[in-house]
PDB file of N, CA and C in Angstrom:
ATOM      1  N   MET A   1    -100.936 -80.435  30.210  1.00  0.00           N
ATOM      2  CA  MET A   1     -99.138 -80.222  29.308  1.00  0.00           C
ATOM      3  C   MET A   1    -100.074 -77.909  28.858  1.00  0.00           C
ATOM      4  N   ALA A   2     -98.594 -77.828  29.376  1.00  0.00           N
ATOM      5  CA  ALA A   2     -98.999 -75.956  29.105  1.00  0.00           C
ATOM      6  C   ALA A   2     -98.744 -75.756  27.890  1.00  0.00           C
ATOM      7  N   GLU A   3     -99.527 -74.416  27.601  1.00  0.00           N
ATOM      8  CA  GLU A   3     -99.536 -74.247  26.286  1.00  0.00           C
ATOM      9  C   GLU A   3     -97.906 -73.271  25.550  1.00  0.00           C
ATOM     10  N   GLU A   4     -98.011 -73.183  24.988  1.00  0.00           N
ATOM     11  CA  GLU A   4     -96.384 -72.664  24.138  1.00  0.00           C
ATOM     12  C   GLU A   4     -96.563 -70.971  24.842  1.00  0.00           C
ATOM     13  N   GLY A   5     -95.373 -70.599  25.609  1.00  0.00           N
ATOM     14  CA  GLY A   5     -95.325 -69.497  26.372  1.00  0.00           C
ATOM     15  C   GLY A   5     -95.771 -69.886  27.572  1.00  0.00           C
ATOM     16  N   ASN A   6     -96.328 -70.564  28.105  1.00  0.00           N
ATOM     17  CA  ASN A   6     -96.466 -71.012  29.682  1.00  0.00           C
ATOM     18  C   ASN A   6     -95.529 -71.740  30.536  1.00  0.00           C
ATOM     19  N   ILE A   7     -95.420 -71.837  31.630  1.00  0.00           N
ATOM     20  CA  ILE A   7     -94.672 -73.017  32.476  1.00  0.00           C
ATOM     21  C   ILE A   7     -95.946 -73.485  33.653  1.00  0.00           C
ATOM     22  N   GLU A   8     -95.672 -74.289  33.999  1.00  0.00           N
ATOM     23  CA  GLU A   8     -95.975 -75.461  35.075  1.00  0.00           C
ATOM     24  C   GLU A   8     -95.458 -74.744  36.457  1.00  0.00           C
ATOM     25  N   LEU A   9     -96.434 -74.632  37.237  1.00  0.00           N
ATOM     26  CA  LEU A   9     -96.009 -74.980  38.679  1.00  0.00           C
ATOM     27  C   LEU A   9     -96.929 -75.263  39.616  1.00  0.00           C
ATOM     28  N   VAL A  10     -96.740 -75.521  41.089  1.00  0.00           N
ATOM     29  CA  VAL A  10     -97.716 -76.526  41.929  1.00  0.00           C
ATOM     30  C   VAL A  10     -97.315 -75.797  42.799  1.00  0.00           C
ATOM     31  N   VAL A  11     -98.365 -74.597  43.505  1.00  0.00           N
ATOM     32  CA  VAL A  11     -98.630 -73.709  44.712  1.00  0.00           C
ATOM     33  C   VAL A  11     -99.146 -74.393  46.016  1.00  0.00           C
ATOM     34  N   VAL A  12     -98.594 -75.195  46.941  1.00  0.00           N
ATOM     35  CA  VAL A  12     -99.039 -75.122  48.637  1.00  0.00           C
ATOM     36  C   VAL A  12    -100.017 -73.843  49.060  1.00  0.00           C
ATOM     37  N   ASP A  13    -101.314 -74.279  49.623  1.00  0.00           N
ATOM     38  CA  ASP A  13    -101.510 -73.454  50.304  1.00  0.00           C
ATOM     39  C   ASP A  13    -101.080 -73.781  52.284  1.00  0.00           C
ATOM     40  N   ARG A  14    -101.522 -72.820  52.421  1.00  0.00           N
ATOM     41  CA  ARG A  14    -101.396 -72.841  54.099  1.00  0.00           C
ATOM     42  C   ARG A  14    -102.178 -74.273  54.618  1.00  0.00           C
ATOM     43  N   HIS A  15    -103.072 -74.398  53.655  1.00  0.00           N
ATOM     44  CA  HIS A  15    -104.193 -75.626  54.238  1.00  0.00           C
ATOM     45  C   HIS A  15    -103.306 -77.041  53.544  1.00  0.00           C
ATOM     46  N   GLY A  16    -102.362 -76.759  53.271  1.00  0.00           N
ATOM     47  CA  GLY A  16    -101.493 -77.967  52.557  1.00  0.00           C
ATOM     48  C   GLY A  16    -101.799 -78.585  51.536  1.00  0.00           C
ATOM     49  N   GLU A  17    -103.147 -77.876  50.391  1.00  0.00           N
ATOM     50  CA  GLU A  17    -103.601 -77.730  49.274  1.00  0.00           C
ATOM     51  C   GLU A  17    -102.933 -78.294  48.537  1.00  0.00           C
ATOM     52  N   ALA A  18    -102.461 -78.417  47.463  1.00  0.00           N
ATOM     53  CA  ALA A  18    -101.496 -78.331  45.962  1.00  0.00           C
ATOM     54  C   ALA A  18    -102.424 -77.819  44.831  1.00  0.00           C
ATOM     55  N   HIS A  19    -101.878 -76.817  44.530  1.00  0.00           N
ATOM     56  CA  HIS A  19    -102.763 -76.006  43.212  1.00  0.00           C
ATOM     57  C   HIS A  19    -101.449 -76.190  42.276  1.00  0.00           C
ATOM     58  N   GLU A  20    -101.877 -76.897  40.892  1.00  0.00           N
ATOM     59  CA  GLU A  20    -101.408 -76.507  39.787  1.00  0.00           C
ATOM     60  C   GLU A  20    -102.119 -75.176  38.809  1.00  0.00           C
ATOM     61  N   LEU A  21    -100.881 -74.669  38.453  1.00  0.00           N
ATOM     62  CA  LEU A  21    -100.931 -73.515  37.798  1.00  0.00           C
ATOM     63  C   LEU A  21    -100.367 -73.491  36.515  1.00  0.00           C
ATOM     64  N   GLU A  22    -100.833 -72.774  36.070  1.00  0.00           N
ATOM     65  CA  GLU A  22    -100.301 -72.085  34.468  1.00  0.00           C
ATOM     66  C   GLU A  22     -99.665 -70.821  34.503  1.00  0.00           C
ATOM     67  N   ALA A  23     -98.489 -70.280  34.148  1.00  0.00           N
ATOM     68  CA  ALA A  23     -98.501 -69.358  34.290  1.00  0.00           C
ATOM     69  C   ALA A  23     -97.738 -68.394  32.830  1.00  0.00           C
ATOM     70  N   PRO A  24     -97.936 -67.481  32.626  1.00  0.00           N
ATOM     71  CA  PRO A  24     -97.029 -66.982  31.224  1.00  0.00           C
ATOM     72  C   PRO A  24     -96.204 -66.608  31.390  1.00  0.00           C
ATOM     73  N   THR A  25     -94.953 -66.999  31.247  1.00  0.00           N
ATOM     74  CA  THR A  25     -93.687 -66.311  30.585  1.00  0.00           C
ATOM     75  C   THR A  25     -93.459 -64.792  30.067  1.00  0.00           C
ATOM     76  N   ASP A  26     -94.393 -64.197  29.193  1.00  0.00           N
ATOM     77  CA  ASP A  26     -94.375 -63.407  28.070  1.00  0.00           C
ATOM     78  C   ASP A  26     -94.882 -62.376  28.423  1.00  0.00           C
ATOM     79  N   MET A  27     -95.053 -62.225  30.122  1.00  0.00           N
ATOM     80  CA  MET A  27     -96.171 -61.089  30.628  1.00  0.00           C
ATOM     81  C   MET A  27     -95.548 -60.164  31.547  1.00  0.00           C
ATOM     82  N   ASN A  28     -93.521 -60.898  31.666  1.00  0.00           N
ATOM     83  CA  ASN A  28     -93.424 -59.554  32.949  1.00  0.00           C
ATOM     84  C   ASN A  28     -93.824 -59.983  34.462  1.00  0.00           C
ATOM     85  N   MET A  29     -94.691 -60.996  34.818  1.00  0.00           N
ATOM     86  CA  MET A  29     -95.383 -61.244  36.247  1.00  0.00           C
ATOM     87  C   MET A  29     -94.381 -62.349  36.858  1.00  0.00           C
ATOM     88  N   ASN A  30     -94.884 -62.118  38.369  1.00  0.00           N
ATOM     89  CA  ASN A  30     -94.362 -62.881  38.953  1.00  0.00           C
ATOM     90  C   ASN A  30     -94.491 -63.466  39.729  1.00  0.00           C
ATOM     91  N   LEU A  31     -94.057 -63.895  40.646  1.00  0.00           N
ATOM     92  CA  LEU A  31     -94.815 -65.465  41.658  1.00  0.00           C
ATOM     93  C   LEU A  31     -96.167 -65.351  42.011  1.00  0.00           C
ATOM     94  N   MET A  32     -96.076 -63.644  42.736  1.00  0.00           N
ATOM     95  CA  MET A  32     -96.661 -63.254  43.771  1.00  0.00           C
ATOM     96  C   MET A  32     -98.259 -62.934  42.788  1.00  0.00           C
ATOM     97  N   GLU A  33     -97.864 -62.124  41.796  1.00  0.00           N
ATOM     98  CA  GLU A  33     -98.642 -61.712  40.640  1.00  0.00           C
ATOM     99  C   GLU A  33     -99.735 -62.935  39.892  1.00  0.00           C
ATOM    100  N   VAL A  34     -98.823 -64.437  40.121  1.00  0.00           N
ATOM    101  CA  VAL A  34     -99.496 -65.628  39.922  1.00  0.00           C
ATOM    102  C   VAL A  34    -100.270 -65.906  41.099  1.00  0.00           C
ATOM    103  N   CYS A  35    -100.410 -65.792  41.811  1.00  0.00           N
ATOM    104  CA  CYS A  35    -101.007 -66.376  42.722  1.00  0.00           C
ATOM    105  C   CYS A  35    -102.242 -65.609  43.016  1.00  0.00           C
ATOM    106  N   LYS A  36    -102.042 -64.121  42.939  1.00  0.00           N
ATOM    107  CA  LYS A  36    -103.245 -63.285  43.078  1.00  0.00           C
ATOM    108  C   LYS A  36    -103.767 -63.607  41.718  1.00  0.00           C
ATOM    109  N   ALA A  37    -103.099 -63.440  41.208  1.00  0.00           N
ATOM    110  CA  ALA A  37    -104.230 -64.039  39.439  1.00  0.00           C
ATOM    111  C   ALA A  37    -105.428 -65.763  39.869  1.00  0.00           C
ATOM    112  N   TYR A  38    -104.890 -65.977  40.437  1.00  0.00           N
ATOM    113  CA  TYR A  38    -105.335 -67.351  40.601  1.00  0.00           C
ATOM    114  C   TYR A  38    -106.381 -67.695  42.272  1.00  0.00           C
ATOM    115  N   GLU A  39    -106.274 -65.978  42.657  1.00  0.00           N
ATOM    116  CA  GLU A  39    -107.013 -65.363  43.630  1.00  0.00           C
ATOM    117  C   GLU A  39    -106.878 -66.684  45.101  1.00  0.00           C
ATOM    118  N   LEU A  40    -104.736 -66.544  45.367  1.00  0.00           N
ATOM    119  CA  LEU A  40    -104.757 -67.630  46.111  1.00  0.00           C
ATOM    120  C   LEU A  40    -103.813 -66.840  47.328  1.00  0.00           C
ATOM    121  N   PRO A  41    -104.332 -66.821  48.703  1.00  0.00           N
ATOM    122  CA  PRO A  41    -104.538 -66.131  49.704  1.00  0.00           C
ATOM    123  C   PRO A  41    -102.592 -65.202  49.655  1.00  0.00           C
ATOM    124  N   VAL A  42    -102.258 -64.355  49.020  1.00  0.00           N
ATOM    125  CA  VAL A  42    -101.115 -63.845  48.592  1.00  0.00           C
ATOM    126  C   VAL A  42    -101.645 -62.554  48.771  1.00  0.00           C
ATOM    127  N   LYS A  43    -100.891 -61.297  49.910  1.00  0.00           N
ATOM    128  CA  LYS A  43    -101.452 -59.950  50.105  1.00  0.00           C
ATOM    129  C   LYS A  43    -100.780 -59.204  48.858  1.00  0.00           C
ATOM    130  N   GLY A  44     -99.292 -59.679  49.024  1.00  0.00           N
ATOM    131  CA  GLY A  44     -98.462 -58.820  48.398  1.00  0.00           C
ATOM    132  C   GLY A  44     -98.461 -57.093  48.111  1.00  0.00           C
ATOM    133  N   THR A  45     -98.304 -57.053  49.587  1.00  0.00           N
ATOM    134  CA  THR A  45     -99.110 -55.819  49.928  1.00  0.00           C
ATOM    135  C   THR A  45     -98.195 -54.347  50.024  1.00  0.00           C
ATOM    136  N   CYS A  46     -97.377 -54.751  49.518  1.00  0.00           N
ATOM    137  CA  CYS A  46     -96.484 -53.575  48.980  1.00  0.00           C
ATOM    138  C   CYS A  46     -95.857 -52.994  47.454  1.00  0.00           C
ATOM    139  N   GLY A  47     -96.794 -54.446  46.322  1.00  0.00           N
ATOM    140  CA  GLY A  47     -96.855 -54.076  45.228  1.00  0.00           C
ATOM    141  C   GLY A  47     -95.697 -54.859  44.195  1.00  0.00           C
ATOM    142  N   GLY A  48     -94.916 -55.949  45.547  1.00  0.00           N
ATOM    143  CA  GLY A  48     -93.695 -56.770  44.471  1.00  0.00           C
ATOM    144  C   GLY A  48     -92.457 -55.871  44.338  1.00  0.00           C
ATOM    145  N   MET A  49     -92.283 -54.826  46.034  1.00  0.00           N
ATOM    146  CA  MET A  49     -90.992 -53.621  45.438  1.00  0.00           C
ATOM    147  C   MET A  49     -90.122 -54.369  46.742  1.00  0.00           C
ATOM    148  N   ALA A  50     -90.115 -55.657  47.441  1.00  0.00           N
ATOM    149  CA  ALA A  50     -89.666 -56.346  48.608  1.00  0.00           C
ATOM    150  C   ALA A  50     -89.807 -55.990  49.613  1.00  0.00           C
ATOM    151  N   LEU A  51     -90.834 -55.361  49.288  1.00  0.00           N
ATOM    152  CA  LEU A  51     -90.812 -53.636  50.614  1.00  0.00           C
ATOM    153  C   LEU A  51     -91.760 -55.040  52.203  1.00  0.00           C
ATOM    154  N   CYS A  52     -92.017 -55.745  52.311  1.00  0.00           N
ATOM    155  CA  CYS A  52     -92.909 -56.645  53.469  1.00  0.00           C
ATOM    156  C   CYS A  52     -92.920 -58.239  52.591  1.00  0.00           C
ATOM    157  N   SER A  53     -93.374 -58.621  53.345  1.00  0.00           N
ATOM    158  CA  SER A  53     -92.815 -59.986  53.585  1.00  0.00           C
ATOM    159  C   SER A  53     -94.413 -61.211  53.342  1.00  0.00           C
ATOM    160  N   THR A  54     -95.765 -60.357  52.415  1.00  0.00           N
ATOM    161  CA  THR A  54     -96.718 -61.281  52.402  1.00  0.00           C
ATOM    162  C   THR A  54     -96.731 -62.570  51.322  1.00  0.00           C
ATOM    163  N   CYS A  55     -95.815 -62.294  50.596  1.00  0.00           N
ATOM    164  CA  CYS A  55     -95.554 -63.196  49.324  1.00  0.00           C
ATOM    165  C   CYS A  55     -94.676 -64.088  49.785  1.00  0.00           C
ATOM    166  N   HIS A  56     -94.074 -64.327  51.022  1.00  0.00           N
ATOM    167  CA  HIS A  56     -92.551 -65.253  51.517  1.00  0.00           C
ATOM    168  C   HIS A  56     -93.559 -66.881  51.101  1.00  0.00           C
ATOM    169  N   CYS A  57     -92.484 -67.446  50.339  1.00  0.00           N
ATOM    170  CA  CYS A  57     -93.110 -68.627  50.675  1.00  0.00           C
ATOM    171  C   CYS A  57     -91.917 -69.830  50.351  1.00  0.00           C
ATOM    172  N   TYR A  58     -91.683 -71.222  50.346  1.00  0.00           N
ATOM    173  CA  TYR A  58     -91.054 -72.338  50.936  1.00  0.00           C
ATOM    174  C   TYR A  58     -91.043 -73.003  49.564  1.00  0.00           C
ATOM    175  N   VAL A  59     -89.431 -72.968  48.799  1.00  0.00           N
ATOM    176  CA  VAL A  59     -89.508 -73.593  47.524  1.00  0.00           C
ATOM    177  C   VAL A  59     -89.082 -75.295  47.629  1.00  0.00           C
ATOM    178  N   LEU A  60     -89.647 -75.362  47.365  1.00  0.00           N
ATOM    179  CA  LEU A  60     -90.030 -77.391  47.591  1.00  0.00           C
ATOM    180  C   LEU A  60     -89.569 -77.638  46.752  1.00  0.00           C
ATOM    181  N   SER A  61     -89.553 -77.285  45.345  1.00  0.00           N
ATOM    182  CA  SER A  61     -88.654 -78.098  44.166  1.00  0.00           C
ATOM    183  C   SER A  61     -86.799 -77.743  44.310  1.00  0.00           C
ATOM    184  N   ASN A  62     -86.531 -78.556  43.184  1.00  0.00           N
ATOM    185  CA  ASN A  62     -85.063 -78.546  43.313  1.00  0.00           C
ATOM    186  C   ASN A  62     -84.633 -77.230  41.710  1.00  0.00           C
ATOM    187  N   THR A  63     -85.905 -76.875  41.305  1.00  0.00           N
ATOM    188  CA  THR A  63     -85.378 -75.677  40.549  1.00  0.00           C
ATOM    189  C   THR A  63     -84.597 -74.387  41.049  1.00  0.00           C
ATOM    190  N   GLU A  64     -84.332 -74.652  39.719  1.00  0.00           N
ATOM    191  CA  GLU A  64     -82.438 -73.475  40.025  1.00  0.00           C
ATOM    192  C   GLU A  64     -83.172 -71.927  39.615  1.00  0.00           C
ATOM    193  N   LEU A  65     -82.832 -71.376  41.263  1.00  0.00           N
ATOM    194  CA  LEU A  65     -84.212 -69.772  40.569  1.00  0.00           C
ATOM    195  C   LEU A  65     -83.101 -68.673  40.599  1.00  0.00           C
ATOM    196  N   PRO A  66     -82.882 -67.570  39.817  1.00  0.00           N
ATOM    197  CA  PRO A  66     -82.247 -66.854  40.008  1.00  0.00           C
ATOM    198  C   PRO A  66     -81.788 -66.094  41.659  1.00  0.00           C
ATOM    199  N   GLU A  67     -79.926 -65.754  41.583  1.00  0.00           N
ATOM    200  CA  GLU A  67     -79.750 -65.233  42.883  1.00  0.00           C
ATOM    201  C   GLU A  67     -80.441 -64.421  43.810  1.00  0.00           C
ATOM    202  N   MET A  68     -80.524 -64.501  44.855  1.00  0.00           N
ATOM    203  CA  MET A  68     -81.193 -63.191  46.190  1.00  0.00           C
ATOM    204  C   MET A  68     -81.051 -62.364  45.372  1.00  0.00           C
ATOM    205  N   GLY A  69     -81.827 -61.449  45.685  1.00  0.00           N
ATOM    206  CA  GLY A  69     -80.924 -60.083  45.783  1.00  0.00           C
ATOM    207  C   GLY A  69     -80.668 -58.657  47.274  1.00  0.00           C
ATOM    208  N   GLU A  70     -79.911 -58.174  46.865  1.00  0.00           N
ATOM    209  CA  GLU A  70     -80.105 -57.284  48.451  1.00  0.00           C
ATOM    210  C   GLU A  70     -81.795 -57.236  49.275  1.00  0.00           C
ATOM    211  N   ASP A  71     -82.141 -56.804  48.404  1.00  0.00           N
ATOM    212  CA  ASP A  71     -83.488 -56.417  48.706  1.00  0.00           C
ATOM    213  C   ASP A  71     -84.055 -57.184  49.607  1.00  0.00           C
ATOM    214  N   GLU A  72     -84.036 -58.486  48.950  1.00  0.00           N
ATOM    215  CA  GLU A  72     -85.129 -59.558  49.362  1.00  0.00           C
ATOM    216  C   GLU A  72     -83.664 -59.977  50.530  1.00  0.00           C
ATOM    217  N   GLU A  73     -83.340 -60.072  50.839  1.00  0.00           N
ATOM    218  CA  GLU A  73     -81.977 -60.813  51.524  1.00  0.00           C
ATOM    219  C   GLU A  73     -82.495 -59.686  52.936  1.00  0.00           C
ATOM    220  N   ASP A  74     -82.517 -58.691  52.616  1.00  0.00           N
ATOM    221  CA  ASP A  74     -83.157 -57.536  53.981  1.00  0.00           C
ATOM    222  C   ASP A  74     -84.173 -57.930  54.242  1.00  0.00           C
ATOM    223  N   MET A  75     -85.399 -57.772  53.726  1.00  0.00           N
ATOM    224  CA  MET A  75     -86.835 -58.047  54.025  1.00  0.00           C
ATOM    225  C   MET A  75     -86.718 -59.866  54.828  1.00  0.00           C
ATOM    226  N   LEU A  76     -86.206 -60.746  54.233  1.00  0.00           N
ATOM    227  CA  LEU A  76     -86.358 -61.772  54.522  1.00  0.00           C
ATOM    228  C   LEU A  76     -85.302 -61.884  56.556  1.00  0.00           C
ATOM    229  N   ASP A  77     -84.686 -61.003  56.391  1.00  0.00           N
ATOM    230  CA  ASP A  77     -84.153 -61.168  57.753  1.00  0.00           C
ATOM    231  C   ASP A  77     -85.201 -60.417  58.543  1.00  0.00           C
ATOM    232  N   GLN A  78     -86.071 -59.870  58.289  1.00  0.00           N
ATOM    233  CA  GLN A  78     -87.143 -59.108  59.169  1.00  0.00           C
ATOM    234  C   GLN A  78     -88.502 -59.976  59.185  1.00  0.00           C
ATOM    235  N   ALA A  79     -88.740 -60.946  58.330  1.00  0.00           N
ATOM    236  CA  ALA A  79     -89.739 -61.861  57.974  1.00  0.00           C
ATOM    237  C   ALA A  79     -90.046 -62.763  59.599  1.00  0.00           C
ATOM    238  N   PHE A  80     -91.141 -63.582  59.215  1.00  0.00           N
ATOM    239  CA  PHE A  80     -91.320 -64.461  60.407  1.00  0.00           C
ATOM    240  C   PHE A  80     -91.396 -65.669  60.075  1.00  0.00           C
ATOM    241  N   PHE A  81     -91.070 -67.387  60.201  1.00  0.00           N
ATOM    242  CA  PHE A  81     -90.845 -68.093  59.717  1.00  0.00           C
ATOM    243  C   PHE A  81     -89.852 -68.575  58.440  1.00  0.00           C
ATOM    244  N   VAL A  82     -88.744 -67.690  58.576  1.00  0.00           N
ATOM    245  CA  VAL A  82     -87.846 -68.015  57.780  1.00  0.00           C
ATOM    246  C   VAL A  82     -86.910 -69.150  57.280  1.00  0.00           C
ATOM    247  N   GLU A  83     -87.031 -69.795  56.594  1.00  0.00           N
ATOM    248  CA  GLU A  83     -86.088 -71.150  56.594  1.00  0.00           C
ATOM    249  C   GLU A  83     -85.746 -71.285  55.748  1.00  0.00           C
ATOM    250  N   ASP A  84     -83.674 -71.538  55.524  1.00  0.00           N
ATOM    251  CA  ASP A  84     -82.953 -72.257  54.368  1.00  0.00           C
ATOM    252  C   ASP A  84     -84.044 -71.429  52.864  1.00  0.00           C
ATOM    253  N   ASN A  85     -85.063 -72.823  52.569  1.00  0.00           N
ATOM    254  CA  ASN A  85     -85.181 -72.789  51.652  1.00  0.00           C
ATOM    255  C   ASN A  85     -87.011 -71.411  51.195  1.00  0.00           C
ATOM    256  N   SER A  86     -86.535 -70.166  51.732  1.00  0.00           N
ATOM    257  CA  SER A  86     -87.420 -69.462  51.858  1.00  0.00           C
ATOM    258  C   SER A  86     -87.233 -68.489  50.917  1.00  0.00           C
ATOM    259  N   ARG A  87     -88.036 -67.612  49.730  1.00  0.00           N
ATOM    260  CA  ARG A  87     -88.094 -66.271  49.130  1.00  0.00           C
ATOM    261  C   ARG A  87     -89.203 -65.951  49.023  1.00  0.00           C
ATOM    262  N   LEU A  88     -89.085 -64.459  48.331  1.00  0.00           N
ATOM    263  CA  LEU A  88     -90.531 -63.706  48.381  1.00  0.00           C
ATOM    264  C   LEU A  88     -90.688 -63.907  46.996  1.00  0.00           C
ATOM    265  N   GLY A  89     -92.205 -64.197  46.683  1.00  0.00           N
ATOM    266  CA  GLY A  89     -92.611 -64.638  45.064  1.00  0.00           C
ATOM    267  C   GLY A  89     -92.942 -63.400  44.839  1.00  0.00           C
ATOM    268  N   CYS A  90     -92.779 -62.150  44.952  1.00  0.00           N
ATOM    269  CA  CYS A  90     -91.975 -60.886  44.504  1.00  0.00           C
ATOM    270  C   CYS A  90     -91.088 -60.734  43.834  1.00  0.00           C
ATOM    271  N   GLN A  91     -89.979 -61.181  44.025  1.00  0.00           N
ATOM    272  CA  GLN A  91     -88.780 -61.576  43.718  1.00  0.00           C
ATOM    273  C   GLN A  91     -88.478 -62.225  41.972  1.00  0.00           C
ATOM    274  N   LEU A  92     -89.694 -63.602  41.751  1.00  0.00           N
ATOM    275  CA  LEU A  92     -89.342 -64.507  41.435  1.00  0.00           C
ATOM    276  C   LEU A  92     -89.870 -64.740  40.082  1.00  0.00           C
ATOM    277  N   GLN A  93     -88.650 -63.797  38.953  1.00  0.00           N
ATOM    278  CA  GLN A  93     -90.407 -63.415  37.868  1.00  0.00           C
ATOM    279  C   GLN A  93     -89.851 -65.169  36.656  1.00  0.00           C
ATOM    280  N   MET A  94     -91.807 -65.167  36.335  1.00  0.00           N
ATOM    281  CA  MET A  94     -92.159 -65.975  35.339  1.00  0.00           C
ATOM    282  C   MET A  94     -91.128 -66.412  34.475  1.00  0.00           C
ATOM    283  N   THR A  95     -90.245 -67.135  34.691  1.00  0.00           N
ATOM    284  CA  THR A  95     -89.689 -67.185  33.284  1.00  0.00           C
ATOM    285  C   THR A  95     -89.653 -69.016  32.787  1.00  0.00           C
ATOM    286  N   PRO A  96     -89.018 -69.075  31.411  1.00  0.00           N
ATOM    287  CA  PRO A  96     -89.719 -70.986  31.416  1.00  0.00           C
ATOM    288  C   PRO A  96     -88.079 -71.796  32.201  1.00  0.00           C
ATOM    289  N   ALA A  97     -87.015 -70.963  32.557  1.00  0.00           N
ATOM    290  CA  ALA A  97     -86.054 -71.882  33.439  1.00  0.00           C
ATOM    291  C   ALA A  97     -87.279 -71.965  35.057  1.00  0.00           C
ATOM    292  N   LEU A  98     -88.149 -71.406  35.180  1.00  0.00           N
ATOM    293  CA  LEU A  98     -88.821 -71.825  36.229  1.00  0.00           C
ATOM    294  C   LEU A  98     -90.049 -73.033  36.513  1.00  0.00           C
ATOM    295  N   ASN A  99     -90.085 -73.564  34.611  1.00  0.00           N
ATOM    296  CA  ASN A  99     -91.135 -74.872  35.056  1.00  0.00           C
ATOM    297  C   ASN A  99     -90.620 -75.469  35.690  1.00  0.00           C
ATOM    298  N   GLY A 100     -92.181 -76.254  36.264  1.00  0.00           N
ATOM    299  CA  GLY A 100     -91.436 -77.048  37.481  1.00  0.00           C
ATOM    300  C   GLY A 100     -91.318 -76.232  38.722  1.00  0.00           C
ATOM    301  N   LEU A 101     -91.579 -75.302  38.998  1.00  0.00           N
ATOM    302  CA  LEU A 101     -91.798 -74.786  39.900  1.00  0.00           C
ATOM    303  C   LEU A 101     -92.341 -75.613  40.851  1.00  0.00           C
ATOM    304  N   ARG A 102     -91.945 -75.968  42.484  1.00  0.00           N
ATOM    305  CA  ARG A 102     -93.381 -76.098  43.375  1.00  0.00           C
ATOM    306  C   ARG A 102     -92.670 -75.385  44.692  1.00  0.00           C
ATOM    307  N   VAL A 103     -93.803 -74.500  45.296  1.00  0.00           N
ATOM    308  CA  VAL A 103     -93.653 -73.424  46.276  1.00  0.00           C
ATOM    309  C   VAL A 103     -94.973 -74.021  47.631  1.00  0.00           C
ATOM    310  N   GLN A 104     -93.891 -73.461  48.894  1.00  0.00           N
ATOM    311  CA  GLN A 104     -95.672 -73.666  49.601  1.00  0.00           C
ATOM    312  C   GLN A 104     -95.550 -72.058  50.441  1.00  0.00           C
ATOM    313  N   LEU A 105     -96.595 -71.628  50.923  1.00  0.00           N
ATOM    314  CA  LEU A 105     -96.700 -70.834  51.242  1.00  0.00           C
ATOM    315  C   LEU A 105     -96.310 -70.538  52.702  1.00  0.00           C
ATOM    316  N   ALA A 106     -95.934 -69.410  52.620  1.00  0.00           N
ATOM    317  CA  ALA A 106     -95.251 -69.468  54.263  1.00  0.00           C
ATOM    318  C   ALA A 106     -96.718 -68.886  54.702  1.00  0.00           C
ATOM    319  N   PRO A 107     -96.412 -69.524  56.158  1.00  0.00           N
ATOM    320  CA  PRO A 107     -97.331 -68.752  57.598  1.00  0.00           C
ATOM    321  C   PRO A 107     -97.389 -67.136  57.933  1.00  0.00           C
ATOM    322  N   GLU A 108     -98.958 -66.722  57.764  1.00  0.00           N
ATOM    323  CA  GLU A 108     -98.311 -65.634  58.519  1.00  0.00           C
ATOM    324  C   GLU A 108     -98.647 -65.342  59.692  1.00  0.00           C
ATOM    325  N   ALA A 109     -97.852 -64.373  59.771  1.00  0.00           N
ATOM    326  CA  ALA A 109     -97.337 -63.503  60.867  1.00  0.00           C
ATOM    327  C   ALA A 109     -98.857 -63.506  61.942  1.00  0.00           C
ATOM    328  N   ASP A 110     -99.582 -63.153  61.660  1.00  0.00           N
ATOM    329  CA  ASP A 110    -101.187 -62.884  62.442  1.00  0.00           C
ATOM    330  C   ASP A 110    -101.411 -65.061  62.059  1.00  0.00           C
ATOM    331  N   ASP A 111    -101.499 -65.572  62.152  1.00  0.00           N
ATOM    332  CA  ASP A 111    -102.207 -66.884  62.238  1.00  0.00           C
ATOM    333  C   ASP A 111    -101.994 -67.439  63.094  1.00  0.00           C
TER     334      ASP A 111
END
C-alpha cells in the first residue's frame, strides 16, 4: 500500500519485467521523471517538453488519463512503434487519478 500522498503504478520495461513503483503526487513529477528516479531506461532527452519521444510508452491499464495535448500528438505522429495506447511519459503528471496506472516502455528506434 502506498504512503499517503503517493500513488502506485507498474512500469513494464523493454525486457518484459514489471516494476512496481510508488510516486509522489505532491512534487509535480511526471511519469518520465518517476522512471528516471527509479533508474529505468527512459532518456527524456528533451527534459519533458514533448519535443522527443524517448519517454514513449504504452498504457496497459484502463486508467482515465488527461486528454492528449497538441504537442504530444504532434510528437507521437513522428515517433516509431506508435500504437493506439501510446503516450509520452513526460506528459503524464502524477496525480491521485493515476493510481494503479500500468504502462510498458516502447521499444527504442535504435533497438
